[in-house]
C-alpha atoms as a PDB file:
ATOM      1  CA  UNK A   1       2.210  -5.262   4.760  1.00  0.00           C
ATOM      2  CA  UNK A   2       0.144  -2.748   3.058  1.00  0.00           C
ATOM      3  CA  UNK A   3       0.572  -0.917   3.167  1.00  0.00           C
ATOM      4  CA  UNK A   4      -1.102  -2.107   0.585  1.00  0.00           C
ATOM      5  CA  UNK A   5      -3.704  -2.626   3.192  1.00  0.00           C
ATOM      6  CA  UNK A   6      -3.908   1.010   4.128  1.00  0.00           C
ATOM      7  CA  UNK A   7      -6.599   1.297   1.453  1.00  0.00           C
ATOM      8  CA  UNK A   8      -8.666  -1.471   3.013  1.00  0.00           C
ATOM      9  CA  UNK A   9      -8.222   0.156   6.380  1.00  0.00           C
ATOM     10  CA  UNK A  10      -9.320   3.497   5.015  1.00  0.00           C
ATOM     11  CA  UNK A  11     -12.532   2.036   3.622  1.00  0.00           C
ATOM     12  CA  UNK A  12     -13.720   1.407   7.173  1.00  0.00           C
ATOM     13  CA  UNK A  13     -11.603   3.778   9.156  1.00  0.00           C
ATOM     14  CA  UNK A  14     -13.742   5.851  11.472  1.00  0.00           C
ATOM     15  CA  UNK A  15     -16.925   4.712   9.694  1.00  0.00           C
ATOM     16  CA  UNK A  16     -18.372   3.084  12.812  1.00  0.00           C
ATOM     17  CA  UNK A  17     -20.838   5.533  14.275  1.00  0.00           C
ATOM     18  CA  UNK A  18     -22.055   2.808  16.643  1.00  0.00           C
ATOM     19  CA  UNK A  19     -18.709   2.822  18.420  1.00  0.00           C
ATOM     20  CA  UNK A  20     -18.274   5.250  21.272  1.00  0.00           C
ATOM     21  CA  UNK A  21     -16.227   8.425  20.993  1.00  0.00           C
ATOM     22  CA  UNK A  22     -13.586   7.132  23.369  1.00  0.00           C
ATOM     23  CA  UNK A  23     -12.886   4.163  21.080  1.00  0.00           C
ATOM     24  CA  UNK A  24     -12.480   6.485  18.101  1.00  0.00           C
ATOM     25  CA  UNK A  25     -10.026   8.605  20.093  1.00  0.00           C
ATOM     26  CA  UNK A  26      -8.175   5.407  20.986  1.00  0.00           C
ATOM     27  CA  UNK A  27      -7.754   4.528  17.298  1.00  0.00           C
ATOM     28  CA  UNK A  28      -6.277   7.960  16.676  1.00  0.00           C
ATOM     29  CA  UNK A  29      -3.795   7.572  19.549  1.00  0.00           C
ATOM     30  CA  UNK A  30      -2.700   4.207  18.183  1.00  0.00           C
ATOM     31  CA  UNK A  31      -1.553   5.689  14.888  1.00  0.00           C
ATOM     32  CA  UNK A  32       2.141   6.506  14.727  1.00  0.00           C
ATOM     33  CA  UNK A  33       3.109   9.856  13.162  1.00  0.00           C
ATOM     34  CA  UNK A  34       6.242   9.997  11.013  1.00  0.00           C
ATOM     35  CA  UNK A  35       8.138  13.285  11.237  1.00  0.00           C
ATOM     36  CA  UNK A  36      10.022  14.936   8.373  1.00  0.00           C
ATOM     37  CA  UNK A  37       8.416  12.963   5.551  1.00  0.00           C
ATOM     38  CA  UNK A  38       8.184  16.239   3.625  1.00  0.00           C
ATOM     39  CA  UNK A  39      11.319  18.170   4.729  1.00  0.00           C
ATOM     40  CA  UNK A  40      10.923  21.939   4.700  1.00  0.00           C
ATOM     41  CA  UNK A  41      14.341  22.396   3.135  1.00  0.00           C
ATOM     42  CA  UNK A  42      13.239  20.478   0.049  1.00  0.00           C
ATOM     43  CA  UNK A  43      11.886  23.071  -2.353  1.00  0.00           C
ATOM     44  CA  UNK A  44      11.829  21.148  -5.647  1.00  0.00           C
ATOM     45  CA  UNK A  45       8.511  19.357  -5.156  1.00  0.00           C
ATOM     46  CA  UNK A  46       6.044  18.869  -8.031  1.00  0.00           C
ATOM     47  CA  UNK A  47       3.079  21.190  -8.381  1.00  0.00           C
ATOM     48  CA  UNK A  48      -0.056  19.766  -6.699  1.00  0.00           C
ATOM     49  CA  UNK A  49      -2.618  18.218  -9.029  1.00  0.00           C
ATOM     50  CA  UNK A  50      -6.396  18.624  -8.565  1.00  0.00           C
ATOM     51  CA  UNK A  51      -6.745  15.192  -6.970  1.00  0.00           C
ATOM     52  CA  UNK A  52      -5.202  13.528  -3.953  1.00  0.00           C
ATOM     53  CA  UNK A  53      -2.236  11.144  -3.951  1.00  0.00           C
ATOM     54  CA  UNK A  54      -1.317   8.789  -1.115  1.00  0.00           C
ATOM     55  CA  UNK A  55       1.936   6.827  -1.093  1.00  0.00           C
ATOM     56  CA  UNK A  56       1.202   3.417   0.460  1.00  0.00           C
ATOM     57  CA  UNK A  57       4.236   1.524   1.733  1.00  0.00           C
ATOM     58  CA  UNK A  58       4.416  -2.052   2.969  1.00  0.00           C
ATOM     59  CA  UNK A  59       7.409  -2.474   5.267  1.00  0.00           C
ATOM     60  CA  UNK A  60       9.117  -5.794   5.960  1.00  0.00           C
ATOM     61  CA  UNK A  61      10.077  -4.634   9.458  1.00  0.00           C
ATOM     62  CA  UNK A  62       8.660  -7.021  12.031  1.00  0.00           C
ATOM     63  CA  UNK A  63       7.958  -6.014  15.606  1.00  0.00           C
ATOM     64  CA  UNK A  64       5.254  -5.152  18.090  1.00  0.00           C
ATOM     65  CA  UNK A  65       2.908  -2.221  17.701  1.00  0.00           C
ATOM     66  CA  UNK A  66       5.123   0.101  19.756  1.00  0.00           C
ATOM     67  CA  UNK A  67       8.106  -0.120  17.422  1.00  0.00           C
ATOM     68  CA  UNK A  68       8.843   2.414  14.724  1.00  0.00           C
ATOM     69  CA  UNK A  69       7.833   1.471  11.185  1.00  0.00           C
ATOM     70  CA  UNK A  70      11.257   2.418   9.845  1.00  0.00           C
ATOM     71  CA  UNK A  71      14.807   2.372  11.106  1.00  0.00           C
ATOM     72  CA  UNK A  72      17.889   3.070   8.951  1.00  0.00           C
ATOM     73  CA  UNK A  73      19.019  -0.138   7.281  1.00  0.00           C
ATOM     74  CA  UNK A  74      16.466  -2.234   9.170  1.00  0.00           C
ATOM     75  CA  UNK A  75      13.519  -2.253   6.797  1.00  0.00           C
ATOM     76  CA  UNK A  76      12.719  -2.355   3.113  1.00  0.00           C
ATOM     77  CA  UNK A  77       9.615  -1.294   1.221  1.00  0.00           C
ATOM     78  CA  UNK A  78       8.235  -4.656   0.187  1.00  0.00           C
ATOM     79  CA  UNK A  79       5.209  -2.985  -1.411  1.00  0.00           C
ATOM     80  CA  UNK A  80       4.946   0.449  -3.032  1.00  0.00           C
ATOM     81  CA  UNK A  81       1.603   1.777  -4.279  1.00  0.00           C
ATOM     82  CA  UNK A  82       0.173   5.179  -5.150  1.00  0.00           C
ATOM     83  CA  UNK A  83      -3.499   5.676  -4.323  1.00  0.00           C
ATOM     84  CA  UNK A  84      -4.811   8.335  -6.724  1.00  0.00           C
ATOM     85  CA  UNK A  85      -8.238   9.885  -6.089  1.00  0.00           C
ATOM     86  CA  UNK A  86      -9.125  12.422  -8.818  1.00  0.00           C
ATOM     87  CA  UNK A  87     -10.873  15.590  -7.748  1.00  0.00           C
ATOM     88  CA  UNK A  88     -14.642  15.277  -7.974  1.00  0.00           C
ATOM     89  CA  UNK A  89     -14.365  11.854  -9.590  1.00  0.00           C
ATOM     90  CA  UNK A  90     -16.294   8.696  -8.928  1.00  0.00           C
ATOM     91  CA  UNK A  91     -13.343   6.369  -9.258  1.00  0.00           C
ATOM     92  CA  UNK A  92     -10.014   5.779  -7.549  1.00  0.00           C
ATOM     93  CA  UNK A  93      -6.821   4.178  -8.798  1.00  0.00           C
ATOM     94  CA  UNK A  94      -4.108   2.145  -7.109  1.00  0.00           C
ATOM     95  CA  UNK A  95      -0.853   2.122  -9.104  1.00  0.00           C
ATOM     96  CA  UNK A  96       1.744  -0.439  -8.040  1.00  0.00           C
ATOM     97  CA  UNK A  97       5.416   0.388  -8.465  1.00  0.00           C
ATOM     98  CA  UNK A  98       7.563  -2.781  -8.708  1.00  0.00           C
ATOM     99  CA  UNK A  99       9.965  -2.872  -5.759  1.00  0.00           C
ATOM    100  CA  UNK A 100      12.765  -4.035  -8.103  1.00  0.00           C
ATOM    101  CA  UNK A 101      12.316  -1.078 -10.480  1.00  0.00           C
ATOM    102  CA  UNK A 102      15.704   0.398 -11.414  1.00  0.00           C
ATOM    103  CA  UNK A 103      15.590   4.138 -10.694  1.00  0.00           C
ATOM    104  CA  UNK A 104      17.772   7.066  -9.745  1.00  0.00           C
ATOM    105  CA  UNK A 105      17.561   7.695  -6.012  1.00  0.00           C
ATOM    106  CA  UNK A 106      17.914  11.457  -5.374  1.00  0.00           C
ATOM    107  CA  UNK A 107      21.245  12.432  -3.882  1.00  0.00           C
ATOM    108  CA  UNK A 108      22.655   8.956  -4.185  1.00  0.00           C
ATOM    109  CA  UNK A 109      22.797   6.735  -7.286  1.00  0.00           C
ATOM    110  CA  UNK A 110      20.823   4.264  -9.385  1.00  0.00           C
ATOM    111  CA  UNK A 111      19.402   1.297  -7.476  1.00  0.00           C
ATOM    112  CA  UNK A 112      16.219  -0.672  -6.940  1.00  0.00           C
ATOM    113  CA  UNK A 113      13.496   1.680  -5.745  1.00  0.00           C
ATOM    114  CA  UNK A 114      13.011  -0.213  -2.471  1.00  0.00           C
ATOM    115  CA  UNK A 115      16.569   0.760  -1.502  1.00  0.00           C
ATOM    116  CA  UNK A 116      15.315   4.347  -1.048  1.00  0.00           C
ATOM    117  CA  UNK A 117      13.194   3.279   1.930  1.00  0.00           C
ATOM    118  CA  UNK A 118      15.996   1.266   3.489  1.00  0.00           C
ATOM    119  CA  UNK A 119      18.490   4.089   3.037  1.00  0.00           C
ATOM    120  CA  UNK A 120      16.388   7.150   3.853  1.00  0.00           C
ATOM    121  CA  UNK A 121      12.984   5.996   5.103  1.00  0.00           C
ATOM    122  CA  UNK A 122       9.618   7.398   4.008  1.00  0.00           C
ATOM    123  CA  UNK A 123      11.094  10.799   3.140  1.00  0.00           C
ATOM    124  CA  UNK A 124      13.592   9.482   0.585  1.00  0.00           C
ATOM    125  CA  UNK A 125      11.127   7.018  -0.918  1.00  0.00           C
ATOM    126  CA  UNK A 126       8.546   9.798  -1.254  1.00  0.00           C
ATOM    127  CA  UNK A 127      11.073  12.049  -2.979  1.00  0.00           C
ATOM    128  CA  UNK A 128      12.069   9.190  -5.293  1.00  0.00           C
ATOM    129  CA  UNK A 129       8.448   8.468  -6.275  1.00  0.00           C
ATOM    130  CA  UNK A 130       7.749  12.176  -6.848  1.00  0.00           C
ATOM    131  CA  UNK A 131      10.755  12.544  -9.155  1.00  0.00           C
ATOM    132  CA  UNK A 132       9.890   9.312 -10.945  1.00  0.00           C
ATOM    133  CA  UNK A 133       6.257  10.240 -11.571  1.00  0.00           C
ATOM    134  CA  UNK A 134       6.048  14.020 -11.456  1.00  0.00           C
ATOM    135  CA  UNK A 135       3.149  13.560  -9.023  1.00  0.00           C
ATOM    136  CA  UNK A 136       2.982  15.483  -5.760  1.00  0.00           C
ATOM    137  CA  UNK A 137       2.445  13.043  -2.905  1.00  0.00           C
ATOM    138  CA  UNK A 138      -0.008  14.522  -0.405  1.00  0.00           C
ATOM    139  CA  UNK A 139       0.153  11.887   2.327  1.00  0.00           C
ATOM    140  CA  UNK A 140       2.137   8.776   3.230  1.00  0.00           C
ATOM    141  CA  UNK A 141       0.973   5.631   5.043  1.00  0.00           C
ATOM    142  CA  UNK A 142       3.107   2.679   6.164  1.00  0.00           C
ATOM    143  CA  UNK A 143       1.936  -0.755   7.358  1.00  0.00           C
ATOM    144  CA  UNK A 144       4.253  -3.527   8.569  1.00  0.00           C
ATOM    145  CA  UNK A 145       3.889  -7.290   8.157  1.00  0.00           C
ATOM    146  CA  UNK A 146       2.674  -7.920  11.697  1.00  0.00           C
ATOM    147  CA  UNK A 147      -0.086  -5.397  11.114  1.00  0.00           C
ATOM    148  CA  UNK A 148      -1.003  -7.068   7.823  1.00  0.00           C
ATOM    149  CA  UNK A 149      -1.561 -10.369   9.620  1.00  0.00           C
ATOM    150  CA  UNK A 150      -3.584  -8.811  12.456  1.00  0.00           C
ATOM    151  CA  UNK A 151      -5.852  -6.910  10.064  1.00  0.00           C
ATOM    152  CA  UNK A 152      -6.547 -10.027   7.996  1.00  0.00           C
ATOM    153  CA  UNK A 153      -7.305 -12.144  11.063  1.00  0.00           C
ATOM    154  CA  UNK A 154      -9.518  -9.407  12.521  1.00  0.00           C
ATOM    155  CA  UNK A 155     -11.739  -9.746   9.442  1.00  0.00           C
ATOM    156  CA  UNK A 156     -11.960 -13.494   9.955  1.00  0.00           C
ATOM    157  CA  UNK A 157      -9.713 -14.078   6.970  1.00  0.00           C
ATOM    158  CA  UNK A 158     -10.209 -13.163   3.319  1.00  0.00           C
ATOM    159  CA  UNK A 159     -11.419 -15.229   0.364  1.00  0.00           C
ATOM    160  CA  UNK A 160      -9.675 -14.939  -2.989  1.00  0.00           C
ATOM    161  CA  UNK A 161     -10.679 -16.573  -6.251  1.00  0.00           C
ATOM    162  CA  UNK A 162      -7.936 -17.878  -8.544  1.00  0.00           C
ATOM    163  CA  UNK A 163      -8.509 -18.716 -12.192  1.00  0.00           C
ATOM    164  CA  UNK A 164      -5.415 -20.923 -12.207  1.00  0.00           C
ATOM    165  CA  UNK A 165      -3.559 -22.743  -9.429  1.00  0.00           C
ATOM    166  CA  UNK A 166      -0.370 -21.231  -8.015  1.00  0.00           C
ATOM    167  CA  UNK A 167       2.520 -23.380  -6.858  1.00  0.00           C
ATOM    168  CA  UNK A 168       5.771 -22.202  -5.335  1.00  0.00           C
ATOM    169  CA  UNK A 169       8.313 -25.015  -5.774  1.00  0.00           C
ATOM    170  CA  UNK A 170      10.879 -23.272  -3.565  1.00  0.00           C
ATOM    171  CA  UNK A 171       8.815 -23.575  -0.383  1.00  0.00           C
ATOM    172  CA  UNK A 172       6.228 -26.132  -1.422  1.00  0.00           C
ATOM    173  CA  UNK A 173       3.348 -23.668  -0.984  1.00  0.00           C
ATOM    174  CA  UNK A 174       0.343 -23.967  -3.265  1.00  0.00           C
ATOM    175  CA  UNK A 175      -3.076 -22.400  -3.801  1.00  0.00           C
ATOM    176  CA  UNK A 176      -5.599 -24.313  -5.971  1.00  0.00           C
ATOM    177  CA  UNK A 177      -7.828 -22.782  -8.600  1.00  0.00           C
ATOM    178  CA  UNK A 178     -11.133 -21.550  -7.228  1.00  0.00           C
ATOM    179  CA  UNK A 179     -11.892 -19.968  -3.854  1.00  0.00           C
ATOM    180  CA  UNK A 180      -9.122 -19.939  -1.248  1.00  0.00           C
ATOM    181  CA  UNK A 181      -9.645 -18.805   2.360  1.00  0.00           C
ATOM    182  CA  UNK A 182      -6.544 -17.055   3.713  1.00  0.00           C
ATOM    183  CA  UNK A 183      -5.864 -16.224   7.351  1.00  0.00           C
ATOM    184  CA  UNK A 184      -3.242 -13.645   8.289  1.00  0.00           C
ATOM    185  CA  UNK A 185      -0.244 -15.967   8.073  1.00  0.00           C
ATOM    186  CA  UNK A 186      -1.231 -17.590   4.778  1.00  0.00           C
ATOM    187  CA  UNK A 187      -2.225 -14.210   3.311  1.00  0.00           C
ATOM    188  CA  UNK A 188       1.197 -12.774   4.087  1.00  0.00           C
ATOM    189  CA  UNK A 189       2.777 -15.784   2.428  1.00  0.00           C
ATOM    190  CA  UNK A 190       0.530 -15.338  -0.624  1.00  0.00           C
ATOM    191  CA  UNK A 191       1.328 -11.658  -1.218  1.00  0.00           C
ATOM    192  CA  UNK A 192       5.046 -11.844  -0.415  1.00  0.00           C
ATOM    193  CA  UNK A 193       6.409 -14.972  -2.056  1.00  0.00           C
ATOM    194  CA  UNK A 194       8.069 -14.646  -5.457  1.00  0.00           C
ATOM    195  CA  UNK A 195      10.874 -17.222  -5.523  1.00  0.00           C
ATOM    196  CA  UNK A 196      10.378 -19.911  -8.102  1.00  0.00           C
ATOM    197  CA  UNK A 197       7.582 -18.008  -9.856  1.00  0.00           C
ATOM    198  CA  UNK A 198       7.967 -17.142 -13.530  1.00  0.00           C
ATOM    199  CA  UNK A 199       7.080 -13.455 -13.170  1.00  0.00           C
ATOM    200  CA  UNK A 200       9.019 -12.905  -9.927  1.00  0.00           C
ATOM    201  CA  UNK A 201       8.335  -9.388  -8.617  1.00  0.00           C
ATOM    202  CA  UNK A 202       5.603  -8.671 -11.192  1.00  0.00           C
ATOM    203  CA  UNK A 203       3.762 -11.874 -10.267  1.00  0.00           C
ATOM    204  CA  UNK A 204       3.856 -10.735  -6.670  1.00  0.00           C
ATOM    205  CA  UNK A 205       2.417  -7.330  -7.634  1.00  0.00           C
ATOM    206  CA  UNK A 206      -0.541  -9.065  -9.315  1.00  0.00           C
ATOM    207  CA  UNK A 207      -1.184 -11.205  -6.228  1.00  0.00           C
ATOM    208  CA  UNK A 208      -1.019  -8.138  -3.983  1.00  0.00           C
ATOM    209  CA  UNK A 209      -3.605  -6.353  -6.113  1.00  0.00           C
ATOM    210  CA  UNK A 210      -5.867  -9.417  -6.129  1.00  0.00           C
ATOM    211  CA  UNK A 211      -5.703  -9.706  -2.351  1.00  0.00           C
ATOM    212  CA  UNK A 212      -6.156  -5.980  -1.774  1.00  0.00           C
ATOM    213  CA  UNK A 213      -9.358  -5.961  -3.823  1.00  0.00           C
ATOM    214  CA  UNK A 214     -10.704  -8.957  -1.898  1.00  0.00           C
ATOM    215  CA  UNK A 215      -9.768  -7.436   1.444  1.00  0.00           C
ATOM    216  CA  UNK A 216     -11.371  -4.095   0.611  1.00  0.00           C
ATOM    217  CA  UNK A 217     -14.584  -5.887  -0.324  1.00  0.00           C
ATOM    218  CA  UNK A 218     -14.532  -7.917   2.911  1.00  0.00           C
ATOM    219  CA  UNK A 219     -13.790  -4.833   5.017  1.00  0.00           C
ATOM    220  CA  UNK A 220     -16.645  -2.895   3.404  1.00  0.00           C
ATOM    221  CA  UNK A 221     -19.148  -5.741   3.705  1.00  0.00           C
ATOM    222  CA  UNK A 222     -22.250  -5.260   5.811  1.00  0.00           C
ATOM    223  CA  UNK A 223     -21.223  -8.226   7.923  1.00  0.00           C
ATOM    224  CA  UNK A 224     -18.242  -6.249   9.159  1.00  0.00           C
ATOM    225  CA  UNK A 225     -19.967  -2.882   9.401  1.00  0.00           C
ATOM    226  CA  UNK A 226     -22.889  -4.248  11.410  1.00  0.00           C
ATOM    227  CA  UNK A 227     -20.811  -6.314  13.807  1.00  0.00           C
ATOM    228  CA  UNK A 228     -19.370  -3.879  16.396  1.00  0.00           C
ATOM    229  CA  UNK A 229     -16.984  -6.480  17.830  1.00  0.00           C
ATOM    230  CA  UNK A 230     -15.515  -7.424  14.442  1.00  0.00           C
ATOM    231  CA  UNK A 231     -15.382  -3.777  13.404  1.00  0.00           C
ATOM    232  CA  UNK A 232     -13.629  -2.750  16.602  1.00  0.00           C
ATOM    233  CA  UNK A 233     -11.085  -5.569  16.211  1.00  0.00           C
ATOM    234  CA  UNK A 234     -10.338  -4.518  12.645  1.00  0.00           C
ATOM    235  CA  UNK A 235     -10.018  -0.808  13.421  1.00  0.00           C
ATOM    236  CA  UNK A 236      -7.826  -1.546  16.439  1.00  0.00           C
ATOM    237  CA  UNK A 237      -5.525  -3.757  14.361  1.00  0.00           C
ATOM    238  CA  UNK A 238      -5.421  -1.197  11.535  1.00  0.00           C
ATOM    239  CA  UNK A 239      -4.643   1.769  13.779  1.00  0.00           C
ATOM    240  CA  UNK A 240      -1.976  -0.133  15.728  1.00  0.00           C
ATOM    241  CA  UNK A 241      -0.295  -1.111  12.459  1.00  0.00           C
ATOM    242  CA  UNK A 242      -0.467   2.231  10.684  1.00  0.00           C
ATOM    243  CA  UNK A 243       2.092   5.020  10.530  1.00  0.00           C
ATOM    244  CA  UNK A 244       1.349   8.230   8.627  1.00  0.00           C
ATOM    245  CA  UNK A 245       3.079  11.509   7.895  1.00  0.00           C
ATOM    246  CA  UNK A 246       2.763  14.100  10.667  1.00  0.00           C
ATOM    247  CA  UNK A 247       0.466  16.239   8.515  1.00  0.00           C
ATOM    248  CA  UNK A 248      -2.196  13.526   8.353  1.00  0.00           C
ATOM    249  CA  UNK A 249      -4.786  14.431  10.948  1.00  0.00           C
ATOM    250  CA  UNK A 250      -7.734  12.477  12.272  1.00  0.00           C
ATOM    251  CA  UNK A 251     -10.081  14.335   9.946  1.00  0.00           C
ATOM    252  CA  UNK A 252      -7.805  13.610   6.965  1.00  0.00           C
ATOM    253  CA  UNK A 253      -8.272   9.872   7.415  1.00  0.00           C
ATOM    254  CA  UNK A 254     -11.983  10.300   8.074  1.00  0.00           C
ATOM    255  CA  UNK A 255     -12.423  12.262   4.835  1.00  0.00           C
ATOM    256  CA  UNK A 256     -10.519   9.650   2.822  1.00  0.00           C
ATOM    257  CA  UNK A 257     -12.568   6.844   4.386  1.00  0.00           C
ATOM    258  CA  UNK A 258     -15.860   8.506   3.530  1.00  0.00           C
ATOM    259  CA  UNK A 259     -14.776   9.256  -0.017  1.00  0.00           C
ATOM    260  CA  UNK A 260     -13.587   5.695  -0.664  1.00  0.00           C
ATOM    261  CA  UNK A 261     -16.789   4.366   0.872  1.00  0.00           C
ATOM    262  CA  UNK A 262     -18.821   6.452  -1.576  1.00  0.00           C
ATOM    263  CA  UNK A 263     -16.677   5.276  -4.494  1.00  0.00           C
ATOM    264  CA  UNK A 264     -16.968   1.625  -3.431  1.00  0.00           C
ATOM    265  CA  UNK A 265     -14.462  -1.241  -3.946  1.00  0.00           C
ATOM    266  CA  UNK A 266     -15.929  -2.033  -7.385  1.00  0.00           C
ATOM    267  CA  UNK A 267     -14.864   1.348  -8.801  1.00  0.00           C
ATOM    268  CA  UNK A 268     -11.255   1.157  -7.652  1.00  0.00           C
ATOM    269  CA  UNK A 269      -8.953   0.275 -10.552  1.00  0.00           C
ATOM    270  CA  UNK A 270      -5.637  -1.486  -9.931  1.00  0.00           C
ATOM    271  CA  UNK A 271      -2.738  -0.776 -12.279  1.00  0.00           C
ATOM    272  CA  UNK A 272       0.977  -1.456 -12.443  1.00  0.00           C
ATOM    273  CA  UNK A 273       3.423   1.214 -13.533  1.00  0.00           C
ATOM    274  CA  UNK A 274       4.435   0.390 -17.130  1.00  0.00           C
ATOM    275  CA  UNK A 275       7.800  -1.326 -17.154  1.00  0.00           C
ATOM    276  CA  UNK A 276      10.197  -2.936 -19.565  1.00  0.00           C
ATOM    277  CA  UNK A 277      12.100  -6.181 -19.444  1.00  0.00           C
ATOM    278  CA  UNK A 278      14.045  -7.647 -16.567  1.00  0.00           C
ATOM    279  CA  UNK A 279      17.797  -7.265 -16.537  1.00  0.00           C
ATOM    280  CA  UNK A 280      20.855  -8.066 -14.470  1.00  0.00           C
ATOM    281  CA  UNK A 281      22.701  -5.033 -13.069  1.00  0.00           C
ATOM    282  CA  UNK A 282      25.410  -4.983 -10.392  1.00  0.00           C
ATOM    283  CA  UNK A 283      24.842  -8.650  -9.672  1.00  0.00           C
ATOM    284  CA  UNK A 284      21.087  -8.327  -9.050  1.00  0.00           C
ATOM    285  CA  UNK A 285      17.891  -8.903 -10.987  1.00  0.00           C
ATOM    286  CA  UNK A 286      16.075  -5.631 -11.696  1.00  0.00           C
ATOM    287  CA  UNK A 287      13.000  -4.376 -13.574  1.00  0.00           C
ATOM    288  CA  UNK A 288      13.718  -1.741 -16.209  1.00  0.00           C
ATOM    289  CA  UNK A 289      11.484   1.260 -16.835  1.00  0.00           C
ATOM    290  CA  UNK A 290       9.317   1.914 -19.880  1.00  0.00           C
ATOM    291  CA  UNK A 291       9.583   5.690 -19.693  1.00  0.00           C
ATOM    292  CA  UNK A 292       7.345   6.486 -22.684  1.00  0.00           C
ATOM    293  CA  UNK A 293       4.323   4.565 -21.411  1.00  0.00           C
ATOM    294  CA  UNK A 294       4.969   5.496 -17.779  1.00  0.00           C
ATOM    295  CA  UNK A 295       5.145   9.192 -18.653  1.00  0.00           C
ATOM    296  CA  UNK A 296       1.762   8.954 -20.405  1.00  0.00           C
ATOM    297  CA  UNK A 297       0.216   7.275 -17.357  1.00  0.00           C
ATOM    298  CA  UNK A 298       1.583   9.822 -14.894  1.00  0.00           C
ATOM    299  CA  UNK A 299       0.622  12.741 -17.148  1.00  0.00           C
ATOM    300  CA  UNK A 300      -3.003  11.557 -17.119  1.00  0.00           C
ATOM    301  CA  UNK A 301      -2.889  11.180 -13.351  1.00  0.00           C
ATOM    302  CA  UNK A 302      -1.561  14.732 -12.960  1.00  0.00           C
ATOM    303  CA  UNK A 303      -4.302  16.120 -15.217  1.00  0.00           C
ATOM    304  CA  UNK A 304      -7.085  14.061 -13.640  1.00  0.00           C
ATOM    305  CA  UNK A 305      -7.867  12.351 -16.965  1.00  0.00           C
ATOM    306  CA  UNK A 306      -6.816   8.790 -16.173  1.00  0.00           C
END
């Protein structure tokens, strides 16, 4: 997933000077490039803001590292986040967009926002997010579930601290209060499951943000940075799991990694796009928008004053 792990991958990506040049080139070759994410014929894109905006997509497509991260009708965007790095700032922001948010999909109709990815891939989801937010998306990164598991296991698992226990009565899964060690399989279960939980999709967003923060801290720890074998395993898993827009070059990822490393995990703020109540539309449970509050949030992001 993570996409929402693209951030954690970026924290370390290409930061290993101890690794040889041929390994770094290997990471770059592993990364899949997605063509036509920003179609030339589309002229109605928002004006760029002074910062940088990455659309992070977690795909539920399963498969080996050689498979494409999106095929028409085969995958959905299980996680949607916007990584916002203001120009010259010392903070970064990750804004989650609920996958069940009811939106207008350009050129089609109203539907849950994750339908945009299933119907038109990264290009249509990017266009949908741009029209929803007024932000100009600079780059797109996609991670699938298999990659999520490999990245977590490559770090030796991740520890999360829960203030209250979580129990999913549908599947019988539970996580006690206190520190929980999650390997790749259990981590995927933790960030994906929503059935039987009171907050449904919004509860899942909160768990994703909690895990992402913990993973970023583990990835940036000195224990990982100073262990060339662990670092190589993580970077290999991350690069094999990552797909980016064709305009994202090696140096683009390097620059993002260095900037996030300077900012540090503790100065990355996690937010959720303001939303209204849940509703039932066309036989499905959806999350309604709170346009007034969302517009204020996106306006501050565009101006660099968040």
